[in-house]
C-alpha atoms as a PDB file:
ATOM      1  CA  MET A   1      67.957 103.398 110.513  1.00  0.00           C
ATOM      2  CA  ASN A   2      66.813 103.857 114.083  1.00  0.00           C
ATOM      3  CA  ALA A   3      68.668 106.829 115.591  1.00  0.00           C
ATOM      4  CA  ASN A   4      69.178 104.813 118.794  1.00  0.00           C
ATOM      5  CA  ALA A   5      70.822 101.884 117.001  1.00  0.00           C
ATOM      6  CA  PRO A   6      74.345 101.356 118.309  1.00  0.00           C
ATOM      7  CA  ILE A   7      77.578 101.463 116.393  1.00  0.00           C
ATOM      8  CA  SER A   8      80.449  99.702 118.116  1.00  0.00           C
ATOM      9  CA  VAL A   9      84.163 100.001 117.498  1.00  0.00           C
ATOM     10  CA  VAL A  10      85.917  97.017 119.062  1.00  0.00           C
ATOM     11  CA  VAL A  11      89.707  96.685 119.178  1.00  0.00           C
ATOM     12  CA  ALA A  12      91.533  93.509 120.167  1.00  0.00           C
ATOM     13  CA  GLY A  13      95.247  92.842 120.558  1.00  0.00           C
ATOM     14  CA  TYR A  14      97.128  89.615 119.876  1.00  0.00           C
ATOM     15  CA  GLY A  15     100.652  88.353 120.357  1.00  0.00           C
ATOM     16  CA  ALA A  16     100.210  85.770 117.594  1.00  0.00           C
ATOM     17  CA  ARG A  17      98.828  86.436 114.113  1.00  0.00           C
ATOM     18  CA  GLN A  18      97.031  83.073 113.902  1.00  0.00           C
ATOM     19  CA  ARG A  19      94.947  83.894 116.972  1.00  0.00           C
ATOM     20  CA  ALA A  20      93.871  87.174 115.358  1.00  0.00           C
ATOM     21  CA  VAL A  21      92.997  85.383 112.102  1.00  0.00           C
ATOM     22  CA  GLU A  22      90.862  82.855 113.987  1.00  0.00           C
ATOM     23  CA  ASP A  23      88.956  85.647 115.743  1.00  0.00           C
ATOM     24  CA  LEU A  24      88.537  87.522 112.449  1.00  0.00           C
ATOM     25  CA  GLU A  25      86.911  84.384 111.054  1.00  0.00           C
ATOM     26  CA  SER A  26      84.669  84.100 114.147  1.00  0.00           C
ATOM     27  CA  VAL A  27      83.468  87.679 113.719  1.00  0.00           C
ATOM     28  CA  TRP A  28      82.933  87.246 110.000  1.00  0.00           C
ATOM     29  CA  GLU A  29      80.967  84.006 110.461  1.00  0.00           C
ATOM     30  CA  ALA A  30      78.740  85.707 113.066  1.00  0.00           C
ATOM     31  CA  ARG A  31      77.768  88.557 110.724  1.00  0.00           C
ATOM     32  CA  HIS A  32      74.494  86.826 109.823  1.00  0.00           C
ATOM     33  CA  THR A  33      73.396  86.094 113.399  1.00  0.00           C
ATOM     34  CA  GLY A  34      71.380  88.416 115.555  1.00  0.00           C
ATOM     35  CA  PRO A  35      70.655  92.011 114.713  1.00  0.00           C
ATOM     36  CA  PHE A  36      73.908  92.785 112.866  1.00  0.00           C
ATOM     37  CA  HIS A  37      73.102  95.384 110.269  1.00  0.00           C
ATOM     38  CA  HIS A  38      76.641  95.860 108.988  1.00  0.00           C
ATOM     39  CA  THR A  39      79.939  94.372 110.073  1.00  0.00           C
ATOM     40  CA  ALA A  40      83.428  95.454 109.040  1.00  0.00           C
ATOM     41  CA  VAL A  41      86.617  93.884 110.366  1.00  0.00           C
ATOM     42  CA  ALA A  42      90.296  94.565 109.730  1.00  0.00           C
ATOM     43  CA  LEU A  43      93.290  92.410 110.592  1.00  0.00           C
ATOM     44  CA  MET A  44      96.014  94.813 111.705  1.00  0.00           C
ATOM     45  CA  ARG A  45      99.756  94.201 111.829  1.00  0.00           C
ATOM     46  CA  ARG A  46     102.877  96.048 112.825  1.00  0.00           C
ATOM     47  CA  THR A  47     105.211  96.457 109.841  1.00  0.00           C
ATOM     48  CA  VAL A  48     109.011  96.170 109.854  1.00  0.00           C
ATOM     49  CA  VAL A  49     109.217  99.980 110.096  1.00  0.00           C
ATOM     50  CA  ASP A  50     106.932  99.888 113.163  1.00  0.00           C
ATOM     51  CA  GLU A  51     103.821 101.217 111.406  1.00  0.00           C
ATOM     52  CA  ILE A  52     100.372  99.776 112.003  1.00  0.00           C
ATOM     53  CA  ASP A  53      98.726  98.671 108.785  1.00  0.00           C
ATOM     54  CA  VAL A  54      95.735  96.699 107.521  1.00  0.00           C
ATOM     55  CA  GLU A  55      96.714  93.226 106.374  1.00  0.00           C
ATOM     56  CA  ARG A  56      93.215  92.305 105.199  1.00  0.00           C
ATOM     57  CA  SER A  57      89.631  93.338 105.767  1.00  0.00           C
ATOM     58  CA  HIS A  58      86.031  92.312 105.169  1.00  0.00           C
ATOM     59  CA  SER A  59      82.875  94.419 105.177  1.00  0.00           C
ATOM     60  CA  THR A  60      79.205  93.727 104.611  1.00  0.00           C
ATOM     61  CA  ALA A  61      78.879  97.417 103.678  1.00  0.00           C
ATOM     62  CA  GLN A  62      81.376  97.239 100.808  1.00  0.00           C
ATOM     63  CA  HIS A  63      78.695  97.637  98.132  1.00  0.00           C
ATOM     64  CA  LEU A  64      77.232 100.795  99.649  1.00  0.00           C
ATOM     65  CA  LEU A  65      78.499 104.094  98.266  1.00  0.00           C
ATOM     66  CA  TRP A  66      79.856 104.983 101.721  1.00  0.00           C
ATOM     67  CA  GLY A  67      80.646 101.391 102.731  1.00  0.00           C
ATOM     68  CA  GLY A  68      84.426 101.685 102.732  1.00  0.00           C
ATOM     69  CA  ALA A  69      84.207 104.660 105.056  1.00  0.00           C
ATOM     70  CA  LEU A  70      82.576 102.570 107.810  1.00  0.00           C
ATOM     71  CA  LEU A  71      85.870 100.810 108.523  1.00  0.00           C
ATOM     72  CA  GLY A  72      88.081 103.575 107.104  1.00  0.00           C
ATOM     73  CA  GLY A  73      86.545 106.188 109.403  1.00  0.00           C
ATOM     74  CA  ALA A  74      87.110 104.067 112.495  1.00  0.00           C
ATOM     75  CA  LEU A  75      90.678 103.324 111.438  1.00  0.00           C
ATOM     76  CA  PHE A  76      91.313 107.008 110.787  1.00  0.00           C
ATOM     77  CA  VAL A  77      90.397 107.996 114.347  1.00  0.00           C
ATOM     78  CA  LEU A  78      92.371 105.063 115.830  1.00  0.00           C
ATOM     79  CA  VAL A  79      95.456 104.917 113.578  1.00  0.00           C
ATOM     80  CA  PRO A  80      95.330 107.868 111.155  1.00  0.00           C
ATOM     81  CA  ALA A  81      97.973 106.568 108.729  1.00  0.00           C
ATOM     82  CA  ALA A  82      96.179 103.215 108.361  1.00  0.00           C
ATOM     83  CA  GLY A  83      92.883 105.040 107.855  1.00  0.00           C
ATOM     84  CA  VAL A  84      94.387 107.191 105.105  1.00  0.00           C
ATOM     85  CA  ARG A  85      95.740 104.096 103.350  1.00  0.00           C
ATOM     86  CA  MET A  86      92.305 102.454 103.609  1.00  0.00           C
ATOM     87  CA  PHE A  87      90.642 105.550 102.113  1.00  0.00           C
ATOM     88  CA  ALA A  88      93.190 105.437  99.271  1.00  0.00           C
ATOM     89  CA  ASP A  89      91.931 101.917  98.516  1.00  0.00           C
ATOM     90  CA  VAL A  90      88.174 102.363  99.022  1.00  0.00           C
ATOM     91  CA  GLY A  91      87.630 106.030  98.141  1.00  0.00           C
ATOM     92  CA  LEU A  92      86.444 109.007 100.121  1.00  0.00           C
ATOM     93  CA  ASP A  93      82.669 108.672  99.744  1.00  0.00           C
ATOM     94  CA  GLY A  94      81.231 109.128 103.229  1.00  0.00           C
ATOM     95  CA  ALA A  95      84.669 109.545 104.827  1.00  0.00           C
ATOM     96  CA  GLY A  96      84.061 113.031 106.184  1.00  0.00           C
ATOM     97  CA  ALA A  97      80.704 112.084 107.677  1.00  0.00           C
ATOM     98  CA  LEU A  98      81.950 108.925 109.366  1.00  0.00           C
ATOM     99  CA  VAL A  99      85.177 110.414 110.728  1.00  0.00           C
ATOM    100  CA  TYR A 100      83.166 113.353 112.068  1.00  0.00           C
ATOM    101  CA  HIS A 101      80.560 111.007 113.575  1.00  0.00           C
ATOM    102  CA  PHE A 102      83.152 108.832 115.328  1.00  0.00           C
ATOM    103  CA  ARG A 103      84.993 111.879 116.683  1.00  0.00           C
ATOM    104  CA  ARG A 104      81.805 113.593 117.824  1.00  0.00           C
ATOM    105  CA  HIS A 105      79.950 110.655 119.374  1.00  0.00           C
ATOM    106  CA  ALA A 106      82.565 108.150 120.589  1.00  0.00           C
ATOM    107  CA  ASP A 107      84.181 108.461 123.998  1.00  0.00           C
ATOM    108  CA  PRO A 108      87.658 109.974 123.384  1.00  0.00           C
ATOM    109  CA  ASP A 109      89.183 107.943 126.219  1.00  0.00           C
ATOM    110  CA  GLY A 110      87.755 104.763 124.714  1.00  0.00           C
ATOM    111  CA  LEU A 111      89.181 105.617 121.300  1.00  0.00           C
ATOM    112  CA  ALA A 112      92.549 106.397 122.906  1.00  0.00           C
ATOM    113  CA  ALA A 113      92.490 103.014 124.682  1.00  0.00           C
ATOM    114  CA  GLY A 114      91.859 101.272 121.354  1.00  0.00           C
ATOM    115  CA  ALA A 115      94.651 103.200 119.647  1.00  0.00           C
ATOM    116  CA  ARG A 116      97.024 102.408 122.505  1.00  0.00           C
ATOM    117  CA  LEU A 117      96.139  98.708 122.364  1.00  0.00           C
ATOM    118  CA  LEU A 118      96.894  98.614 118.623  1.00  0.00           C
ATOM    119  CA  SER A 119     100.226 100.350 119.176  1.00  0.00           C
ATOM    120  CA  GLU A 120     101.279  97.892 121.898  1.00  0.00           C
ATOM    121  CA  GLU A 121     100.490  94.563 120.214  1.00  0.00           C
ATOM    122  CA  PRO A 122     102.075  93.062 117.077  1.00  0.00           C
ATOM    123  CA  HIS A 123      98.665  92.010 115.703  1.00  0.00           C
ATOM    124  CA  GLY A 124      95.167  93.329 116.184  1.00  0.00           C
ATOM    125  CA  LEU A 125      91.600  93.401 115.001  1.00  0.00           C
ATOM    126  CA  VAL A 126      89.366  96.398 114.527  1.00  0.00           C
ATOM    127  CA  VAL A 127      85.687  95.474 114.308  1.00  0.00           C
ATOM    128  CA  VAL A 128      82.952  97.983 113.489  1.00  0.00           C
ATOM    129  CA  THR A 129      79.358  96.849 113.826  1.00  0.00           C
ATOM    130  CA  VAL A 130      76.096  98.634 113.246  1.00  0.00           C
ATOM    131  CA  ASN A 131      73.189  97.540 115.430  1.00  0.00           C
ATOM    132  CA  ARG A 132      75.195  95.594 117.983  1.00  0.00           C
ATOM    133  CA  PHE A 133      76.893  96.764 121.178  1.00  0.00           C
ATOM    134  CA  GLY A 134      80.572  96.089 121.823  1.00  0.00           C
ATOM    135  CA  GLU A 135      79.772  93.870 124.800  1.00  0.00           C
ATOM    136  CA  ALA A 136      78.004  91.495 122.385  1.00  0.00           C
ATOM    137  CA  VAL A 137      80.918  91.495 119.922  1.00  0.00           C
ATOM    138  CA  ALA A 138      83.768  91.125 122.448  1.00  0.00           C
ATOM    139  CA  PRO A 139      82.990  87.449 123.297  1.00  0.00           C
ATOM    140  CA  LEU A 140      83.667  86.582 119.639  1.00  0.00           C
ATOM    141  CA  LEU A 141      87.266  87.691 120.232  1.00  0.00           C
ATOM    142  CA  ARG A 142      88.023  84.953 122.726  1.00  0.00           C
ATOM    143  CA  ARG A 143      91.633  84.488 121.581  1.00  0.00           C
ATOM    144  CA  ALA A 144      92.535  88.140 122.201  1.00  0.00           C
ATOM    145  CA  GLU A 145      94.995  89.030 124.906  1.00  0.00           C
ATOM    146  CA  ARG A 146      93.191  92.334 125.445  1.00  0.00           C
ATOM    147  CA  CYS A 147      90.028  93.909 124.105  1.00  0.00           C
ATOM    148  CA  THR A 148      88.371  97.301 124.411  1.00  0.00           C
ATOM    149  CA  TRP A 149      85.428  98.992 122.734  1.00  0.00           C
ATOM    150  CA  VAL A 150      83.382 102.119 122.435  1.00  0.00           C
ATOM    151  CA  ASP A 151      79.702 102.310 121.597  1.00  0.00           C
ATOM    152  CA  LEU A 152      78.073 105.305 119.995  1.00  0.00           C
ATOM    153  CA  PRO A 153      74.608 105.979 118.610  1.00  0.00           C
ATOM    154  CA  TRP A 154      73.705 105.882 114.933  1.00  0.00           C
ATOM    155  CA  GLY A 155      72.064 109.224 115.709  1.00  0.00           C
ATOM    156  CA  ASP A 156      72.027 111.611 112.766  1.00  0.00           C
ATOM    157  CA  LEU A 157      74.556 109.696 110.673  1.00  0.00           C
ATOM    158  CA  GLU A 158      72.168 109.383 107.715  1.00  0.00           C
ATOM    159  CA  GLU A 159      71.851 113.167 107.530  1.00  0.00           C
ATOM    160  CA  GLU A 160      75.627 113.556 107.899  1.00  0.00           C
ATOM    161  CA  LEU A 161      76.198 111.055 105.084  1.00  0.00           C
ATOM    162  CA  SER A 162      73.630 112.799 102.889  1.00  0.00           C
ATOM    163  CA  ARG A 163      75.335 116.161 103.369  1.00  0.00           C
ATOM    164  CA  ASP A 164      78.761 114.643 102.741  1.00  0.00           C
ATOM    165  CA  LEU A 165      77.720 112.787  99.600  1.00  0.00           C
ATOM    166  CA  VAL A 166      75.649 115.651  98.184  1.00  0.00           C
ATOM    167  CA  SER A 167      78.454 118.164  98.683  1.00  0.00           C
ATOM    168  CA  ARG A 168      80.925 115.792  96.997  1.00  0.00           C
ATOM    169  CA  GLY A 169      78.450 115.211  94.177  1.00  0.00           C
ATOM    170  CA  ASP A 170      77.855 118.940  93.683  1.00  0.00           C
ATOM    171  CA  GLY A 171      81.570 119.502  93.266  1.00  0.00           C
ATOM    172  CA  LEU A 172      81.751 116.786  90.647  1.00  0.00           C
ATOM    173  CA  LEU A 173      78.822 118.207  88.714  1.00  0.00           C
ATOM    174  CA  THR A 174      80.274 121.700  88.828  1.00  0.00           C
ATOM    175  CA  ALA A 175      83.627 120.475  87.546  1.00  0.00           C
ATOM    176  CA  VAL A 176      81.998 118.624  84.640  1.00  0.00           C
ATOM    177  CA  GLY A 177      79.323 121.223  83.847  1.00  0.00           C
END
């Protein structure tokens, strides 16, 4: 992957669930257009106990060893409890590398704005794209009441993933051997 390729984390807030579902479908249909390399999207909801949780998600990276961590890592830095629940479902492969990468390379104020938006709306979307800037993704969320994003570089993510996956693999081999 080109080190200058962008990763975008886009967060949108909705008063009505149906509007969020329609935008989720718009994002998912657009995954094959343009230079999308990977797209992951989560429909977020506020639960009866006022927690923010993932109602459903889609990811083009789901078949990669670290694919679940693309969305899980973004969720972890935005809404830690939802990120932990996602990791419980998809596994931890690549989680350390992606959480570290988002925390190190994304604008903290931008992440805080996304987290705040999710906490203030009853429904939301979190969209993570590789190889597309947030300003290109945001127009797909035309039903959103509010939208914010942060862009960060792919940078050295491949090396970070390699270190994360090798260190996890070494531990597994040691435990078995």
